Amino acid sequence: MDYRILAVLIGYGIGLLQTAYIVGRFMGIDIREHGSGNAGSTNALRVMGRKAGAVVLAADVMKAIIAFSICVLIWNGGGTFFGYGSVLPGLYGAIGVILGHCFPFYLKFRGGKGFASTIGLVISLDIRLFLIGAVIWLGIVFATRFVSLATLAVTLLMPIVLHLLGYSMDVVLLTFFTAVLIWFLHRKNIVRLLNGEENKISFSKKAVK
């Protein structure tokens, strides 16, 4: 079997650890029935509060980092971590995580929107991309309080920055695919932004009872 398919399958399996849903169940709720109905870190923050939101965010980021690391160890012997070897196995693994997170079969394919796991992909791929994206994302969030707007802007820039950093067309195209997926999953947010109806993030400790 082609390594790309295997890497995606490994990532998908790791991505099935649907953190927001699991944390919500520990708190006695189904996260998909509250807030935006999305099983992701932003809705976890809105519905369950800052601590739960932070746990969900960290876990969803780590899923992609773990899958990326496992796949480069399997196919590159870890060489990617030392400046040689292809990043592609890890990239396919991280994309698999995003797919598993967004489309978990045991939750009838109703998961999150994949941005937290995309952060893990970016951290694993190139820390420079992460630092650039973090500055832009935080600037937009604090200026507008629209998490979705910041997410859309950063994912759109991701393949462009990687091209400017000299990455291969394979890497650029895979991150472009990731950006298209994130935009598709945020299509309702885009409509609400255009209509002036998008929810703003709150930084309070409020959570559901």
Foldseek 3Di string as FASTA:
>chain_A
DDLLVVLLVLLLVLLLPLLQQVVQVVVPHRLLVDDPNASALQSCCVAAFDVSSVVRLVSLLVSLLVSQQVQCCVVVVNVVVVPDDDSSSSLSNLVSSQQNQQQPVVVVGGHHLRQSSVLSSPVNPDVVLNVVLVVQQVVCCVVPLFNLVSSLVSLVCNLVVVVVVPDDPVVSVSSVVVSVSSCVSCVVVVVCVVVVNHDGGDNDRDHHD
